[in-house]
Amino acid sequence: MNEKQLKKRNACDLQAVLKTVQGRRLLWRILQAAQIGQHGFVPGDPYATAFHCGQQSIGLFLLAQITDAAPAAYLQMRGEYLSQVQSEQNEINRQQEELNA
């Protein structure tokens, strides 16, 4: 298998994963664990800095693969995550209101 065929197969594999809610949730958790939105620097601890930068490197690689395979997928995953967070917050607010009533 040449490099072009391998790249196409990998993109197809990722597209198949991204078609499922479970796949998108899994990939979102991995991206969150990679802390791609954070900086990796840990003052006074070069080993922790290197560790965090390694995590981010994998996360950025995965994000680039996702963006290449399905450009709208990242925004879809983010939207689904934010929707879930909002739903959970609404439930917490409802329970607080019941306790205060």
PDB file of N, CA and C in Angstrom:
ATOM      1  N   MET A   1       0.855  -1.170   0.000  1.00  0.00           N
ATOM      2  CA  MET A   1       0.000   0.000   0.000  1.00  0.00           C
ATOM      3  C   MET A   1       0.905   1.238   0.000  1.00  0.00           C
ATOM      4  N   ASN A   2       0.658   2.143  -0.939  1.00  0.00           N
ATOM      5  CA  ASN A   2       1.492   3.347  -0.988  1.00  0.00           C
ATOM      6  C   ASN A   2       0.977   4.394  -0.001  1.00  0.00           C
ATOM      7  N   GLU A   3       1.725   5.478   0.131  1.00  0.00           N
ATOM      8  CA  GLU A   3       1.404   6.501   1.134  1.00  0.00           C
ATOM      9  C   GLU A   3       0.049   7.161   0.876  1.00  0.00           C
ATOM     10  N   LYS A   4      -0.277   7.398  -0.377  1.00  0.00           N
ATOM     11  CA  LYS A   4      -1.558   8.020  -0.717  1.00  0.00           C
ATOM     12  C   LYS A   4      -2.729   7.117  -0.347  1.00  0.00           C
ATOM     13  N   GLN A   5      -2.594   5.831  -0.631  1.00  0.00           N
ATOM     14  CA  GLN A   5      -3.654   4.876  -0.282  1.00  0.00           C
ATOM     15  C   GLN A   5      -3.807   4.765   1.233  1.00  0.00           C
ATOM     16  N   LEU A   6      -2.684   4.755   1.934  1.00  0.00           N
ATOM     17  CA  LEU A   6      -2.719   4.665   3.391  1.00  0.00           C
ATOM     18  C   LEU A   6      -3.406   5.898   3.988  1.00  0.00           C
ATOM     19  N   LYS A   7      -3.070   7.072   3.469  1.00  0.00           N
ATOM     20  CA  LYS A   7      -3.700   8.302   3.962  1.00  0.00           C
ATOM     21  C   LYS A   7      -5.203   8.266   3.724  1.00  0.00           C
ATOM     22  N   LYS A   8      -5.628   7.799   2.559  1.00  0.00           N
ATOM     23  CA  LYS A   8      -7.057   7.712   2.246  1.00  0.00           C
ATOM     24  C   LYS A   8      -7.749   6.709   3.168  1.00  0.00           C
ATOM     25  N   ARG A   9      -7.116   5.564   3.402  1.00  0.00           N
ATOM     26  CA  ARG A   9      -7.705   4.569   4.304  1.00  0.00           C
ATOM     27  C   ARG A   9      -7.841   5.129   5.711  1.00  0.00           C
ATOM     28  N   ASN A  10      -6.803   5.810   6.192  1.00  0.00           N
ATOM     29  CA  ASN A  10      -6.848   6.386   7.534  1.00  0.00           C
ATOM     30  C   ASN A  10      -7.958   7.430   7.651  1.00  0.00           C
ATOM     31  N   ALA A  11      -8.132   8.246   6.616  1.00  0.00           N
ATOM     32  CA  ALA A  11      -9.201   9.247   6.622  1.00  0.00           C
ATOM     33  C   ALA A  11     -10.567   8.567   6.643  1.00  0.00           C
ATOM     34  N   CYS A  12     -10.722   7.512   5.874  1.00  0.00           N
ATOM     35  CA  CYS A  12     -11.993   6.770   5.850  1.00  0.00           C
ATOM     36  C   CYS A  12     -12.280   6.135   7.210  1.00  0.00           C
ATOM     37  N   ASP A  13     -11.250   5.591   7.839  1.00  0.00           N
ATOM     38  CA  ASP A  13     -11.415   5.015   9.179  1.00  0.00           C
ATOM     39  C   ASP A  13     -11.900   6.072  10.165  1.00  0.00           C
ATOM     40  N   LEU A  14     -11.264   7.227  10.123  1.00  0.00           N
ATOM     41  CA  LEU A  14     -11.630   8.298  11.042  1.00  0.00           C
ATOM     42  C   LEU A  14     -13.029   8.820  10.748  1.00  0.00           C
ATOM     43  N   GLN A  15     -13.398   8.932   9.489  1.00  0.00           N
ATOM     44  CA  GLN A  15     -14.749   9.357   9.130  1.00  0.00           C
ATOM     45  C   GLN A  15     -15.786   8.389   9.679  1.00  0.00           C
ATOM     46  N   ALA A  16     -15.477   7.095   9.642  1.00  0.00           N
ATOM     47  CA  ALA A  16     -16.415   6.091  10.172  1.00  0.00           C
ATOM     48  C   ALA A  16     -16.604   6.286  11.678  1.00  0.00           C
ATOM     49  N   VAL A  17     -15.521   6.562  12.384  1.00  0.00           N
ATOM     50  CA  VAL A  17     -15.608   6.799  13.831  1.00  0.00           C
ATOM     51  C   VAL A  17     -16.407   8.067  14.111  1.00  0.00           C
ATOM     52  N   LEU A  18     -16.160   9.111  13.314  1.00  0.00           N
ATOM     53  CA  LEU A  18     -16.827  10.391  13.522  1.00  0.00           C
ATOM     54  C   LEU A  18     -18.310  10.360  13.189  1.00  0.00           C
ATOM     55  N   LYS A  19     -18.764   9.339  12.493  1.00  0.00           N
ATOM     56  CA  LYS A  19     -20.191   9.221  12.166  1.00  0.00           C
ATOM     57  C   LYS A  19     -21.016   8.771  13.357  1.00  0.00           C
ATOM     58  N   THR A  20     -20.349   8.274  14.400  1.00  0.00           N
ATOM     59  CA  THR A  20     -21.088   7.801  15.570  1.00  0.00           C
ATOM     60  C   THR A  20     -20.957   8.791  16.720  1.00  0.00           C
ATOM     61  N   VAL A  21     -22.021   8.913  17.491  1.00  0.00           N
ATOM     62  CA  VAL A  21     -21.992   9.772  18.678  1.00  0.00           C
ATOM     63  C   VAL A  21     -20.911   9.288  19.629  1.00  0.00           C
ATOM     64  N   GLN A  22     -20.821   7.984  19.813  1.00  0.00           N
ATOM     65  CA  GLN A  22     -19.835   7.421  20.728  1.00  0.00           C
ATOM     66  C   GLN A  22     -18.408   7.733  20.262  1.00  0.00           C
ATOM     67  N   GLY A  23     -18.179   7.642  18.982  1.00  0.00           N
ATOM     68  CA  GLY A  23     -16.856   7.942  18.439  1.00  0.00           C
ATOM     69  C   GLY A  23     -16.482   9.399  18.650  1.00  0.00           C
ATOM     70  N   ARG A  24     -17.431  10.294  18.407  1.00  0.00           N
ATOM     71  CA  ARG A  24     -17.159  11.716  18.616  1.00  0.00           C
ATOM     72  C   ARG A  24     -16.908  12.013  20.087  1.00  0.00           C
ATOM     73  N   ARG A  25     -17.675  11.386  20.979  1.00  0.00           N
ATOM     74  CA  ARG A  25     -17.436  11.600  22.420  1.00  0.00           C
ATOM     75  C   ARG A  25     -16.055  11.116  22.823  1.00  0.00           C
ATOM     76  N   LEU A  26     -15.661   9.958  22.314  1.00  0.00           N
ATOM     77  CA  LEU A  26     -14.338   9.411  22.641  1.00  0.00           C
ATOM     78  C   LEU A  26     -13.230  10.340  22.152  1.00  0.00           C
ATOM     79  N   LEU A  27     -13.326  10.769  20.919  1.00  0.00           N
ATOM     80  CA  LEU A  27     -12.292  11.650  20.374  1.00  0.00           C
ATOM     81  C   LEU A  27     -12.265  12.980  21.113  1.00  0.00           C
ATOM     82  N   TRP A  28     -13.433  13.489  21.507  1.00  0.00           N
ATOM     83  CA  TRP A  28     -13.483  14.743  22.271  1.00  0.00           C
ATOM     84  C   TRP A  28     -12.776  14.574  23.617  1.00  0.00           C
ATOM     85  N   ARG A  29     -13.007  13.440  24.285  1.00  0.00           N
ATOM     86  CA  ARG A  29     -12.324  13.188  25.567  1.00  0.00           C
ATOM     87  C   ARG A  29     -10.816  13.132  25.380  1.00  0.00           C
ATOM     88  N   ILE A  30     -10.364  12.521  24.304  1.00  0.00           N
ATOM     89  CA  ILE A  30      -8.923  12.453  24.038  1.00  0.00           C
ATOM     90  C   ILE A  30      -8.373  13.857  23.799  1.00  0.00           C
ATOM     91  N   LEU A  31      -9.085  14.662  23.000  1.00  0.00           N
ATOM     92  CA  LEU A  31      -8.634  16.032  22.761  1.00  0.00           C
ATOM     93  C   LEU A  31      -8.600  16.845  24.052  1.00  0.00           C
ATOM     94  N   GLN A  32      -9.582  16.638  24.927  1.00  0.00           N
ATOM     95  CA  GLN A  32      -9.582  17.331  26.212  1.00  0.00           C
ATOM     96  C   GLN A  32      -8.401  16.893  27.068  1.00  0.00           C
ATOM     97  N   ALA A  33      -8.134  15.598  27.094  1.00  0.00           N
ATOM     98  CA  ALA A  33      -7.012  15.083  27.884  1.00  0.00           C
ATOM     99  C   ALA A  33      -5.686  15.628  27.367  1.00  0.00           C
ATOM    100  N   ALA A  34      -5.610  15.882  26.067  1.00  0.00           N
ATOM    101  CA  ALA A  34      -4.385  16.413  25.472  1.00  0.00           C
ATOM    102  C   ALA A  34      -4.199  17.900  25.768  1.00  0.00           C
ATOM    103  N   GLN A  35      -5.222  18.535  26.294  1.00  0.00           N
ATOM    104  CA  GLN A  35      -5.168  19.944  26.690  1.00  0.00           C
ATOM    105  C   GLN A  35      -4.654  20.836  25.565  1.00  0.00           C
ATOM    106  N   ILE A  36      -5.230  20.655  24.379  1.00  0.00           N
ATOM    107  CA  ILE A  36      -4.742  21.405  23.224  1.00  0.00           C
ATOM    108  C   ILE A  36      -5.027  22.906  23.330  1.00  0.00           C
ATOM    109  N   GLY A  37      -5.934  23.292  24.186  1.00  0.00           N
ATOM    110  CA  GLY A  37      -6.232  24.709  24.363  1.00  0.00           C
ATOM    111  C   GLY A  37      -5.431  25.366  25.469  1.00  0.00           C
ATOM    112  N   GLN A  38      -4.558  24.623  26.094  1.00  0.00           N
ATOM    113  CA  GLN A  38      -3.748  25.131  27.206  1.00  0.00           C
ATOM    114  C   GLN A  38      -2.305  25.292  26.740  1.00  0.00           C
ATOM    115  N   HIS A  39      -1.508  25.957  27.543  1.00  0.00           N
ATOM    116  CA  HIS A  39      -0.076  25.969  27.248  1.00  0.00           C
ATOM    117  C   HIS A  39       0.570  24.876  28.081  1.00  0.00           C
ATOM    118  N   GLY A  40       1.662  24.334  27.605  1.00  0.00           N
ATOM    119  CA  GLY A  40       2.286  23.200  28.269  1.00  0.00           C
ATOM    120  C   GLY A  40       3.319  23.558  29.313  1.00  0.00           C
ATOM    121  N   PHE A  41       3.656  24.823  29.420  1.00  0.00           N
ATOM    122  CA  PHE A  41       4.723  25.240  30.320  1.00  0.00           C
ATOM    123  C   PHE A  41       4.325  25.089  31.781  1.00  0.00           C
ATOM    124  N   VAL A  42       5.198  24.417  32.550  1.00  0.00           N
ATOM    125  CA  VAL A  42       5.020  24.298  33.994  1.00  0.00           C
ATOM    126  C   VAL A  42       6.247  24.947  34.629  1.00  0.00           C
ATOM    127  N   PRO A  43       6.079  26.122  35.238  1.00  0.00           N
ATOM    128  CA  PRO A  43       7.232  26.841  35.793  1.00  0.00           C
ATOM    129  C   PRO A  43       8.038  25.974  36.761  1.00  0.00           C
ATOM    130  N   GLY A  44       9.325  25.926  36.526  1.00  0.00           N
ATOM    131  CA  GLY A  44      10.225  25.220  37.429  1.00  0.00           C
ATOM    132  C   GLY A  44      10.259  23.708  37.265  1.00  0.00           C
ATOM    133  N   ASP A  45       9.516  23.182  36.328  1.00  0.00           N
ATOM    134  CA  ASP A  45       9.490  21.724  36.157  1.00  0.00           C
ATOM    135  C   ASP A  45       9.601  21.363  34.678  1.00  0.00           C
ATOM    136  N   PRO A  46      10.826  21.225  34.195  1.00  0.00           N
ATOM    137  CA  PRO A  46      10.995  20.929  32.766  1.00  0.00           C
ATOM    138  C   PRO A  46      10.436  19.565  32.368  1.00  0.00           C
ATOM    139  N   TYR A  47      10.387  18.627  33.294  1.00  0.00           N
ATOM    140  CA  TYR A  47       9.848  17.300  32.968  1.00  0.00           C
ATOM    141  C   TYR A  47       8.331  17.352  32.772  1.00  0.00           C
ATOM    142  N   ALA A  48       7.662  18.082  33.647  1.00  0.00           N
ATOM    143  CA  ALA A  48       6.218  18.244  33.490  1.00  0.00           C
ATOM    144  C   ALA A  48       5.912  19.030  32.215  1.00  0.00           C
ATOM    145  N   THR A  49       6.729  20.039  31.923  1.00  0.00           N
ATOM    146  CA  THR A  49       6.551  20.796  30.685  1.00  0.00           C
ATOM    147  C   THR A  49       6.681  19.876  29.481  1.00  0.00           C
ATOM    148  N   ALA A  50       7.710  19.048  29.471  1.00  0.00           N
ATOM    149  CA  ALA A  50       7.919  18.118  28.355  1.00  0.00           C
ATOM    150  C   ALA A  50       6.743  17.142  28.245  1.00  0.00           C
ATOM    151  N   PHE A  51       6.253  16.658  29.379  1.00  0.00           N
ATOM    152  CA  PHE A  51       5.121  15.739  29.382  1.00  0.00           C
ATOM    153  C   PHE A  51       3.889  16.393  28.761  1.00  0.00           C
ATOM    154  N   HIS A  52       3.576  17.610  29.216  1.00  0.00           N
ATOM    155  CA  HIS A  52       2.402  18.310  28.704  1.00  0.00           C
ATOM    156  C   HIS A  52       2.545  18.631  27.213  1.00  0.00           C
ATOM    157  N   CYS A  53       3.747  19.014  26.812  1.00  0.00           N
ATOM    158  CA  CYS A  53       3.972  19.304  25.385  1.00  0.00           C
ATOM    159  C   CYS A  53       3.808  18.037  24.543  1.00  0.00           C
ATOM    160  N   GLY A  54       4.205  16.900  25.080  1.00  0.00           N
ATOM    161  CA  GLY A  54       3.997  15.630  24.384  1.00  0.00           C
ATOM    162  C   GLY A  54       2.519  15.313  24.239  1.00  0.00           C
ATOM    163  N   GLN A  55       1.764  15.521  25.303  1.00  0.00           N
ATOM    164  CA  GLN A  55       0.312  15.319  25.232  1.00  0.00           C
ATOM    165  C   GLN A  55      -0.302  16.216  24.169  1.00  0.00           C
ATOM    166  N   GLN A  56       0.093  17.473  24.191  1.00  0.00           N
ATOM    167  CA  GLN A  56      -0.464  18.422  23.230  1.00  0.00           C
ATOM    168  C   GLN A  56      -0.094  18.058  21.804  1.00  0.00           C
ATOM    169  N   SER A  57       1.109  17.561  21.619  1.00  0.00           N
ATOM    170  CA  SER A  57       1.547  17.173  20.284  1.00  0.00           C
ATOM    171  C   SER A  57       0.640  16.085  19.713  1.00  0.00           C
ATOM    172  N   ILE A  58       0.318  15.102  20.519  1.00  0.00           N
ATOM    173  CA  ILE A  58      -0.589  14.033  20.072  1.00  0.00           C
ATOM    174  C   ILE A  58      -1.982  14.604  19.820  1.00  0.00           C
ATOM    175  N   GLY A  59      -2.448  15.477  20.694  1.00  0.00           N
ATOM    176  CA  GLY A  59      -3.759  16.086  20.517  1.00  0.00           C
ATOM    177  C   GLY A  59      -3.839  16.917  19.251  1.00  0.00           C
ATOM    178  N   LEU A  60      -2.792  17.685  18.974  1.00  0.00           N
ATOM    179  CA  LEU A  60      -2.780  18.493  17.761  1.00  0.00           C
ATOM    180  C   LEU A  60      -2.702  17.624  16.510  1.00  0.00           C
ATOM    181  N   PHE A  61      -1.978  16.519  16.606  1.00  0.00           N
ATOM    182  CA  PHE A  61      -1.943  15.566  15.496  1.00  0.00           C
ATOM    183  C   PHE A  61      -3.347  15.029  15.233  1.00  0.00           C
ATOM    184  N   LEU A  62      -4.029  14.609  16.305  1.00  0.00           N
ATOM    185  CA  LEU A  62      -5.378  14.069  16.164  1.00  0.00           C
ATOM    186  C   LEU A  62      -6.329  15.124  15.611  1.00  0.00           C
ATOM    187  N   LEU A  63      -6.232  16.350  16.107  1.00  0.00           N
ATOM    188  CA  LEU A  63      -7.089  17.423  15.615  1.00  0.00           C
ATOM    189  C   LEU A  63      -6.854  17.662  14.120  1.00  0.00           C
ATOM    190  N   ALA A  64      -5.609  17.643  13.687  1.00  0.00           N
ATOM    191  CA  ALA A  64      -5.312  17.828  12.263  1.00  0.00           C
ATOM    192  C   ALA A  64      -5.901  16.685  11.435  1.00  0.00           C
ATOM    193  N   GLN A  65      -5.810  15.463  11.952  1.00  0.00           N
ATOM    194  CA  GLN A  65      -6.378  14.319  11.247  1.00  0.00           C
ATOM    195  C   GLN A  65      -7.895  14.445  11.143  1.00  0.00           C
ATOM    196  N   ILE A  66      -8.529  14.860  12.229  1.00  0.00           N
ATOM    197  CA  ILE A  66      -9.984  15.043  12.236  1.00  0.00           C
ATOM    198  C   ILE A  66     -10.377  16.126  11.237  1.00  0.00           C
ATOM    199  N   THR A  67      -9.665  17.241  11.252  1.00  0.00           N
ATOM    200  CA  THR A  67      -9.972  18.361  10.363  1.00  0.00           C
ATOM    201  C   THR A  67      -9.809  17.966   8.901  1.00  0.00           C
ATOM    202  N   ASP A  68      -8.788  17.171   8.605  1.00  0.00           N
ATOM    203  CA  ASP A  68      -8.588  16.712   7.229  1.00  0.00           C
ATOM    204  C   ASP A  68      -9.677  15.733   6.794  1.00  0.00           C
ATOM    205  N   ALA A  69     -10.056  14.836   7.691  1.00  0.00           N
ATOM    206  CA  ALA A  69     -11.016  13.782   7.342  1.00  0.00           C
ATOM    207  C   ALA A  69     -12.451  14.303   7.274  1.00  0.00           C
ATOM    208  N   ALA A  70     -12.796  15.202   8.181  1.00  0.00           N
ATOM    209  CA  ALA A  70     -14.175  15.712   8.260  1.00  0.00           C
ATOM    210  C   ALA A  70     -14.123  17.129   8.833  1.00  0.00           C
ATOM    211  N   PRO A  71     -13.984  18.137   7.984  1.00  0.00           N
ATOM    212  CA  PRO A  71     -13.754  19.507   8.445  1.00  0.00           C
ATOM    213  C   PRO A  71     -14.765  20.036   9.467  1.00  0.00           C
ATOM    214  N   ALA A  72     -16.004  19.619   9.403  1.00  0.00           N
ATOM    215  CA  ALA A  72     -17.022  20.134  10.329  1.00  0.00           C
ATOM    216  C   ALA A  72     -17.106  19.339  11.628  1.00  0.00           C
ATOM    217  N   ALA A  73     -16.376  18.253  11.725  1.00  0.00           N
ATOM    218  CA  ALA A  73     -16.518  17.349  12.867  1.00  0.00           C
ATOM    219  C   ALA A  73     -16.110  17.988  14.190  1.00  0.00           C
ATOM    220  N   TYR A  74     -15.039  18.773  14.201  1.00  0.00           N
ATOM    221  CA  TYR A  74     -14.597  19.375  15.457  1.00  0.00           C
ATOM    222  C   TYR A  74     -15.679  20.285  16.019  1.00  0.00           C
ATOM    223  N   LEU A  75     -16.262  21.113  15.158  1.00  0.00           N
ATOM    224  CA  LEU A  75     -17.323  21.998  15.626  1.00  0.00           C
ATOM    225  C   LEU A  75     -18.543  21.206  16.079  1.00  0.00           C
ATOM    226  N   GLN A  76     -18.837  20.099  15.419  1.00  0.00           N
ATOM    227  CA  GLN A  76     -19.949  19.254  15.834  1.00  0.00           C
ATOM    228  C   GLN A  76     -19.672  18.662  17.215  1.00  0.00           C
ATOM    229  N   MET A  77     -18.456  18.147  17.423  1.00  0.00           N
ATOM    230  CA  MET A  77     -18.099  17.567  18.725  1.00  0.00           C
ATOM    231  C   MET A  77     -18.175  18.622  19.812  1.00  0.00           C
ATOM    232  N   ARG A  78     -17.669  19.815  19.515  1.00  0.00           N
ATOM    233  CA  ARG A  78     -17.690  20.901  20.491  1.00  0.00           C
ATOM    234  C   ARG A  78     -19.131  21.272  20.833  1.00  0.00           C
ATOM    235  N   GLY A  79     -19.977  21.366  19.830  1.00  0.00           N
ATOM    236  CA  GLY A  79     -21.378  21.688  20.059  1.00  0.00           C
ATOM    237  C   GLY A  79     -22.084  20.638  20.894  1.00  0.00           C
ATOM    238  N   GLU A  80     -21.816  19.378  20.592  1.00  0.00           N
ATOM    239  CA  GLU A  80     -22.431  18.293  21.377  1.00  0.00           C
ATOM    240  C   GLU A  80     -21.959  18.337  22.818  1.00  0.00           C
ATOM    241  N   TYR A  81     -20.682  18.611  23.026  1.00  0.00           N
ATOM    242  CA  TYR A  81     -20.140  18.699  24.381  1.00  0.00           C
ATOM    243  C   TYR A  81     -20.783  19.863  25.130  1.00  0.00           C
ATOM    244  N   LEU A  82     -20.840  21.029  24.500  1.00  0.00           N
ATOM    245  CA  LEU A  82     -21.425  22.198  25.163  1.00  0.00           C
ATOM    246  C   LEU A  82     -22.904  21.989  25.456  1.00  0.00           C
ATOM    247  N   SER A  83     -23.600  21.309  24.579  1.00  0.00           N
ATOM    248  CA  SER A  83     -25.005  20.991  24.806  1.00  0.00           C
ATOM    249  C   SER A  83     -25.161  20.096  26.037  1.00  0.00           C
ATOM    250  N   GLN A  84     -24.286  19.117  26.163  1.00  0.00           N
ATOM    251  CA  GLN A  84     -24.320  18.220  27.316  1.00  0.00           C
ATOM    252  C   GLN A  84     -24.021  18.979  28.608  1.00  0.00           C
ATOM    253  N   VAL A  85     -23.029  19.845  28.569  1.00  0.00           N
ATOM    254  CA  VAL A  85     -22.679  20.648  29.741  1.00  0.00           C
ATOM    255  C   VAL A  85     -23.860  21.525  30.143  1.00  0.00           C
ATOM    256  N   GLN A  86     -24.503  22.159  29.160  1.00  0.00           N
ATOM    257  CA  GLN A  86     -25.655  23.021  29.444  1.00  0.00           C
ATOM    258  C   GLN A  86     -26.802  22.219  30.045  1.00  0.00           C
ATOM    259  N   SER A  87     -27.035  21.035  29.524  1.00  0.00           N
ATOM    260  CA  SER A  87     -28.086  20.169  30.039  1.00  0.00           C
ATOM    261  C   SER A  87     -27.809  19.796  31.501  1.00  0.00           C
ATOM    262  N   GLU A  88     -26.564  19.449  31.779  1.00  0.00           N
ATOM    263  CA  GLU A  88     -26.191  19.101  33.152  1.00  0.00           C
ATOM    264  C   GLU A  88     -26.332  20.307  34.080  1.00  0.00           C
ATOM    265  N   GLN A  89     -25.943  21.494  33.606  1.00  0.00           N
ATOM    266  CA  GLN A  89     -26.076  22.703  34.418  1.00  0.00           C
ATOM    267  C   GLN A  89     -27.536  23.021  34.681  1.00  0.00           C
ATOM    268  N   ASN A  90     -28.382  22.838  33.681  1.00  0.00           N
ATOM    269  CA  ASN A  90     -29.817  23.067  33.876  1.00  0.00           C
ATOM    270  C   ASN A  90     -30.381  22.121  34.932  1.00  0.00           C
ATOM    271  N   GLU A  91     -29.934  20.887  34.929  1.00  0.00           N
ATOM    272  CA  GLU A  91     -30.394  19.919  35.931  1.00  0.00           C
ATOM    273  C   GLU A  91     -29.933  20.326  37.324  1.00  0.00           C
ATOM    274  N   ILE A  92     -28.696  20.784  37.458  1.00  0.00           N
ATOM    275  CA  ILE A  92     -28.180  21.253  38.752  1.00  0.00           C
ATOM    276  C   ILE A  92     -28.996  22.447  39.229  1.00  0.00           C
ATOM    277  N   ASN A  93     -29.266  23.382  38.308  1.00  0.00           N
ATOM    278  CA  ASN A  93     -30.066  24.563  38.675  1.00  0.00           C
ATOM    279  C   ASN A  93     -31.466  24.159  39.121  1.00  0.00           C
ATOM    280  N   ARG A  94     -32.072  23.208  38.436  1.00  0.00           N
ATOM    281  CA  ARG A  94     -33.409  22.737  38.794  1.00  0.00           C
ATOM    282  C   ARG A  94     -33.404  22.129  40.194  1.00  0.00           C
ATOM    283  N   GLN A  95     -32.391  21.320  40.475  1.00  0.00           N
ATOM    284  CA  GLN A  95     -32.301  20.684  41.790  1.00  0.00           C
ATOM    285  C   GLN A  95     -32.087  21.733  42.881  1.00  0.00           C
ATOM    286  N   GLN A  96     -31.287  22.758  42.599  1.00  0.00           N
ATOM    287  CA  GLN A  96     -31.066  23.835  43.572  1.00  0.00           C
ATOM    288  C   GLN A  96     -32.358  24.587  43.857  1.00  0.00           C
ATOM    289  N   GLU A  97     -33.123  24.836  42.816  1.00  0.00           N
ATOM    290  CA  GLU A  97     -34.395  25.532  42.990  1.00  0.00           C
ATOM    291  C   GLU A  97     -35.351  24.716  43.830  1.00  0.00           C
ATOM    292  N   GLU A  98     -35.358  23.398  43.645  1.00  0.00           N
ATOM    293  CA  GLU A  98     -36.216  22.534  44.441  1.00  0.00           C
ATOM    294  C   GLU A  98     -35.807  22.557  45.904  1.00  0.00           C
ATOM    295  N   LEU A  99     -34.503  22.576  46.165  1.00  0.00           N
ATOM    296  CA  LEU A  99     -34.021  22.630  47.534  1.00  0.00           C
ATOM    297  C   LEU A  99     -34.340  23.956  48.217  1.00  0.00           C
ATOM    298  N   ASN A 100     -34.305  25.036  47.452  1.00  0.00           N
ATOM    299  CA  ASN A 100     -34.549  26.369  48.000  1.00  0.00           C
ATOM    300  C   ASN A 100     -36.037  26.694  48.112  1.00  0.00           C
ATOM    301  N   ALA A 101     -36.888  25.878  47.494  1.00  0.00           N
ATOM    302  CA  ALA A 101     -38.332  26.171  47.508  1.00  0.00           C
ATOM    303  C   ALA A 101     -38.970  25.733  48.797  1.00  0.00           C
TER     304      ALA A 101
END
